[in-house]
């Protein structure tokens, strides 16, 4: 009895696939067209997702006026951070236990320093490497 039930169930499961196999296969243009439409839909979903992530990740409220100009590690868990707020630049000490203001500057004072204004702060790796090499030579 059991093998007969299994045979009937197997026949019923295969029957729709056998009928589909008898249908004519689509031509190459139809297949390529479906593939291009599917690829376009996936790319559109990715672009919309990226736009939403960018839109939702933008700072809102009080954090919208803050911009981190640079940071330097001074210990295993301590950092000195430059933060621009409106027309002021705050030098902030950050540790695992607290955050404290070390100094306050005007934004104009910071840009009048000896740094090249065309190079953003913290982005001049070649100059940093050159200074490191000179310090190493002087130390020897």
C-alpha atoms as a PDB file:
ATOM      1  CA  UNK A   1       0.000   0.000   0.000  1.00  0.00           C
ATOM      2  CA  UNK A   2       2.776   2.416   0.970  1.00  0.00           C
ATOM      3  CA  UNK A   3       4.728   2.114  -2.348  1.00  0.00           C
ATOM      4  CA  UNK A   4       1.529   2.747  -4.311  1.00  0.00           C
ATOM      5  CA  UNK A   5       0.839   5.958  -2.359  1.00  0.00           C
ATOM      6  CA  UNK A   6       4.422   7.062  -2.894  1.00  0.00           C
ATOM      7  CA  UNK A   7       4.157   6.366  -6.645  1.00  0.00           C
ATOM      8  CA  UNK A   8       0.923   8.372  -6.937  1.00  0.00           C
ATOM      9  CA  UNK A   9       2.381  11.314  -4.978  1.00  0.00           C
ATOM     10  CA  UNK A  10       5.520  11.284  -7.107  1.00  0.00           C
ATOM     11  CA  UNK A  11       3.482  11.210 -10.320  1.00  0.00           C
ATOM     12  CA  UNK A  12       1.369  14.150  -9.159  1.00  0.00           C
ATOM     13  CA  UNK A  13       4.517  16.119  -8.226  1.00  0.00           C
ATOM     14  CA  UNK A  14       6.197  15.513 -11.580  1.00  0.00           C
ATOM     15  CA  UNK A  15       3.141  16.082 -13.787  1.00  0.00           C
ATOM     16  CA  UNK A  16       3.250  19.934 -13.802  1.00  0.00           C
ATOM     17  CA  UNK A  17       6.959  19.887 -14.668  1.00  0.00           C
ATOM     18  CA  UNK A  18       6.387  17.457 -17.511  1.00  0.00           C
ATOM     19  CA  UNK A  19       3.677  19.712 -18.934  1.00  0.00           C
ATOM     20  CA  UNK A  20       5.962  22.724 -18.674  1.00  0.00           C
ATOM     21  CA  UNK A  21       8.756  20.880 -20.481  1.00  0.00           C
ATOM     22  CA  UNK A  22       6.466  20.466 -23.482  1.00  0.00           C
ATOM     23  CA  UNK A  23       6.000  24.259 -23.770  1.00  0.00           C
ATOM     24  CA  UNK A  24       8.222  26.045 -26.301  1.00  0.00           C
ATOM     25  CA  UNK A  25      11.262  27.799 -24.851  1.00  0.00           C
ATOM     26  CA  UNK A  26      11.435  31.596 -25.192  1.00  0.00           C
ATOM     27  CA  UNK A  27      13.790  32.989 -27.796  1.00  0.00           C
ATOM     28  CA  UNK A  28      17.078  34.710 -26.981  1.00  0.00           C
ATOM     29  CA  UNK A  29      15.719  38.274 -27.236  1.00  0.00           C
ATOM     30  CA  UNK A  30      12.989  37.592 -24.681  1.00  0.00           C
ATOM     31  CA  UNK A  31      15.486  36.074 -22.252  1.00  0.00           C
ATOM     32  CA  UNK A  32      17.912  38.963 -22.618  1.00  0.00           C
ATOM     33  CA  UNK A  33      15.089  41.483 -22.250  1.00  0.00           C
ATOM     34  CA  UNK A  34      13.931  39.871 -19.013  1.00  0.00           C
ATOM     35  CA  UNK A  35      17.502  39.834 -17.717  1.00  0.00           C
ATOM     36  CA  UNK A  36      18.033  43.530 -18.519  1.00  0.00           C
ATOM     37  CA  UNK A  37      14.739  44.502 -16.863  1.00  0.00           C
ATOM     38  CA  UNK A  38      15.634  42.460 -13.768  1.00  0.00           C
ATOM     39  CA  UNK A  39      19.109  43.981 -13.592  1.00  0.00           C
ATOM     40  CA  UNK A  40      17.651  47.477 -13.975  1.00  0.00           C
ATOM     41  CA  UNK A  41      15.211  46.795 -11.133  1.00  0.00           C
ATOM     42  CA  UNK A  42      18.012  45.578  -8.844  1.00  0.00           C
ATOM     43  CA  UNK A  43      20.184  48.619  -9.635  1.00  0.00           C
ATOM     44  CA  UNK A  44      17.231  50.943  -9.034  1.00  0.00           C
ATOM     45  CA  UNK A  45      16.579  49.307  -5.641  1.00  0.00           C
ATOM     46  CA  UNK A  46      20.268  49.713  -4.721  1.00  0.00           C
ATOM     47  CA  UNK A  47      20.302  53.395  -5.700  1.00  0.00           C
ATOM     48  CA  UNK A  48      17.116  54.111  -3.731  1.00  0.00           C
ATOM     49  CA  UNK A  49      18.563  52.261  -0.721  1.00  0.00           C
ATOM     50  CA  UNK A  50      21.808  54.259  -0.884  1.00  0.00           C
ATOM     51  CA  UNK A  51      19.865  57.520  -1.126  1.00  0.00           C
ATOM     52  CA  UNK A  52      17.771  56.558   1.924  1.00  0.00           C
ATOM     53  CA  UNK A  53      20.851  55.593   3.941  1.00  0.00           C
ATOM     54  CA  UNK A  54      22.536  58.892   3.081  1.00  0.00           C
ATOM     55  CA  UNK A  55      19.410  60.852   3.940  1.00  0.00           C
ATOM     56  CA  UNK A  56      18.815  59.073   7.244  1.00  0.00           C
ATOM     57  CA  UNK A  57      22.487  59.214   8.298  1.00  0.00           C
ATOM     58  CA  UNK A  58      22.690  63.025   8.052  1.00  0.00           C
ATOM     59  CA  UNK A  59      23.060  64.658  11.480  1.00  0.00           C
ATOM     60  CA  UNK A  60      19.945  66.353  12.789  1.00  0.00           C
ATOM     61  CA  UNK A  61      19.280  68.813  15.593  1.00  0.00           C
ATOM     62  CA  UNK A  62      22.215  70.002  17.686  1.00  0.00           C
ATOM     63  CA  UNK A  63      24.756  67.751  15.914  1.00  0.00           C
ATOM     64  CA  UNK A  64      24.056  69.360  12.526  1.00  0.00           C
ATOM     65  CA  UNK A  65      26.261  72.376  13.389  1.00  0.00           C
ATOM     66  CA  UNK A  66      29.255  70.294  14.555  1.00  0.00           C
ATOM     67  CA  UNK A  67      32.170  69.307  12.361  1.00  0.00           C
ATOM     68  CA  UNK A  68      35.184  67.300  13.507  1.00  0.00           C
ATOM     69  CA  UNK A  69      38.297  68.899  11.994  1.00  0.00           C
ATOM     70  CA  UNK A  70      40.823  66.409  13.299  1.00  0.00           C
ATOM     71  CA  UNK A  71      41.817  64.126  16.140  1.00  0.00           C
ATOM     72  CA  UNK A  72      45.069  62.926  17.679  1.00  0.00           C
ATOM     73  CA  UNK A  73      45.521  59.994  20.006  1.00  0.00           C
ATOM     74  CA  UNK A  74      47.548  60.930  23.108  1.00  0.00           C
ATOM     75  CA  UNK A  75      47.194  57.665  24.973  1.00  0.00           C
ATOM     76  CA  UNK A  76      45.590  54.265  24.779  1.00  0.00           C
ATOM     77  CA  UNK A  77      42.109  55.700  25.381  1.00  0.00           C
ATOM     78  CA  UNK A  78      42.675  59.460  25.270  1.00  0.00           C
ATOM     79  CA  UNK A  79      42.309  61.773  22.284  1.00  0.00           C
ATOM     80  CA  UNK A  80      42.512  65.479  21.546  1.00  0.00           C
ATOM     81  CA  UNK A  81      39.827  66.511  19.061  1.00  0.00           C
ATOM     82  CA  UNK A  82      39.266  69.755  17.121  1.00  0.00           C
ATOM     83  CA  UNK A  83      35.545  70.492  16.714  1.00  0.00           C
ATOM     84  CA  UNK A  84      34.152  73.399  14.698  1.00  0.00           C
ATOM     85  CA  UNK A  85      30.941  74.886  16.070  1.00  0.00           C
ATOM     86  CA  UNK A  86      29.605  77.895  14.129  1.00  0.00           C
ATOM     87  CA  UNK A  87      32.603  80.296  14.002  1.00  0.00           C
ATOM     88  CA  UNK A  88      34.432  78.763  16.968  1.00  0.00           C
ATOM     89  CA  UNK A  89      36.864  75.857  17.133  1.00  0.00           C
ATOM     90  CA  UNK A  90      36.943  73.839  20.341  1.00  0.00           C
ATOM     91  CA  UNK A  91      39.962  71.828  21.408  1.00  0.00           C
ATOM     92  CA  UNK A  92      38.413  68.969  23.359  1.00  0.00           C
ATOM     93  CA  UNK A  93      40.066  66.253  25.417  1.00  0.00           C
ATOM     94  CA  UNK A  94      38.238  62.937  25.228  1.00  0.00           C
ATOM     95  CA  UNK A  95      38.932  60.046  27.563  1.00  0.00           C
ATOM     96  CA  UNK A  96      37.020  56.932  28.514  1.00  0.00           C
ATOM     97  CA  UNK A  97      35.647  58.698  31.600  1.00  0.00           C
ATOM     98  CA  UNK A  98      34.998  62.277  30.456  1.00  0.00           C
ATOM     99  CA  UNK A  99      35.021  64.956  27.769  1.00  0.00           C
ATOM    100  CA  UNK A 100      36.463  68.353  28.638  1.00  0.00           C
ATOM    101  CA  UNK A 101      37.129  71.587  26.753  1.00  0.00           C
ATOM    102  CA  UNK A 102      40.837  72.379  26.693  1.00  0.00           C
ATOM    103  CA  UNK A 103      40.795  75.583  24.633  1.00  0.00           C
ATOM    104  CA  UNK A 104      38.526  77.729  22.443  1.00  0.00           C
ATOM    105  CA  UNK A 105      39.664  79.440  19.213  1.00  0.00           C
ATOM    106  CA  UNK A 106      38.071  81.535  16.526  1.00  0.00           C
ATOM    107  CA  UNK A 107      37.854  79.738  13.190  1.00  0.00           C
ATOM    108  CA  UNK A 108      39.864  82.576  11.573  1.00  0.00           C
ATOM    109  CA  UNK A 109      42.733  82.053  14.067  1.00  0.00           C
ATOM    110  CA  UNK A 110      43.042  78.412  13.135  1.00  0.00           C
ATOM    111  CA  UNK A 111      43.277  79.130   9.408  1.00  0.00           C
ATOM    112  CA  UNK A 112      45.972  81.810   9.897  1.00  0.00           C
ATOM    113  CA  UNK A 113      48.445  79.176  11.105  1.00  0.00           C
ATOM    114  CA  UNK A 114      51.451  77.928   9.134  1.00  0.00           C
ATOM    115  CA  UNK A 115      49.459  75.126   7.495  1.00  0.00           C
ATOM    116  CA  UNK A 116      48.665  75.274   3.798  1.00  0.00           C
ATOM    117  CA  UNK A 117      44.972  76.310   3.482  1.00  0.00           C
ATOM    118  CA  UNK A 118      44.592  74.334   0.242  1.00  0.00           C
ATOM    119  CA  UNK A 119      45.221  71.072   2.116  1.00  0.00           C
ATOM    120  CA  UNK A 120      42.477  69.943   4.536  1.00  0.00           C
ATOM    121  CA  UNK A 121      43.632  69.237   8.100  1.00  0.00           C
ATOM    122  CA  UNK A 122      44.862  65.688   8.591  1.00  0.00           C
ATOM    123  CA  UNK A 123      44.980  64.949   4.860  1.00  0.00           C
ATOM    124  CA  UNK A 124      48.615  65.798   4.073  1.00  0.00           C
ATOM    125  CA  UNK A 125      50.207  62.383   4.497  1.00  0.00           C
ATOM    126  CA  UNK A 126      53.288  63.195   2.436  1.00  0.00           C
ATOM    127  CA  UNK A 127      54.235  66.142   4.664  1.00  0.00           C
ATOM    128  CA  UNK A 128      53.649  64.049   7.797  1.00  0.00           C
ATOM    129  CA  UNK A 129      55.829  61.247   6.415  1.00  0.00           C
ATOM    130  CA  UNK A 130      58.595  63.704   5.505  1.00  0.00           C
ATOM    131  CA  UNK A 131      58.554  65.212   9.010  1.00  0.00           C
ATOM    132  CA  UNK A 132      58.624  61.742  10.584  1.00  0.00           C
ATOM    133  CA  UNK A 133      61.625  60.739   8.531  1.00  0.00           C
ATOM    134  CA  UNK A 134      63.457  63.982   9.452  1.00  0.00           C
ATOM    135  CA  UNK A 135      62.738  63.416  13.159  1.00  0.00           C
ATOM    136  CA  UNK A 136      64.035  59.871  12.903  1.00  0.00           C
ATOM    137  CA  UNK A 137      67.255  61.082  11.237  1.00  0.00           C
ATOM    138  CA  UNK A 138      67.705  63.793  13.914  1.00  0.00           C
ATOM    139  CA  UNK A 139      67.177  61.237  16.691  1.00  0.00           C
ATOM    140  CA  UNK A 140      69.980  59.030  15.360  1.00  0.00           C
END
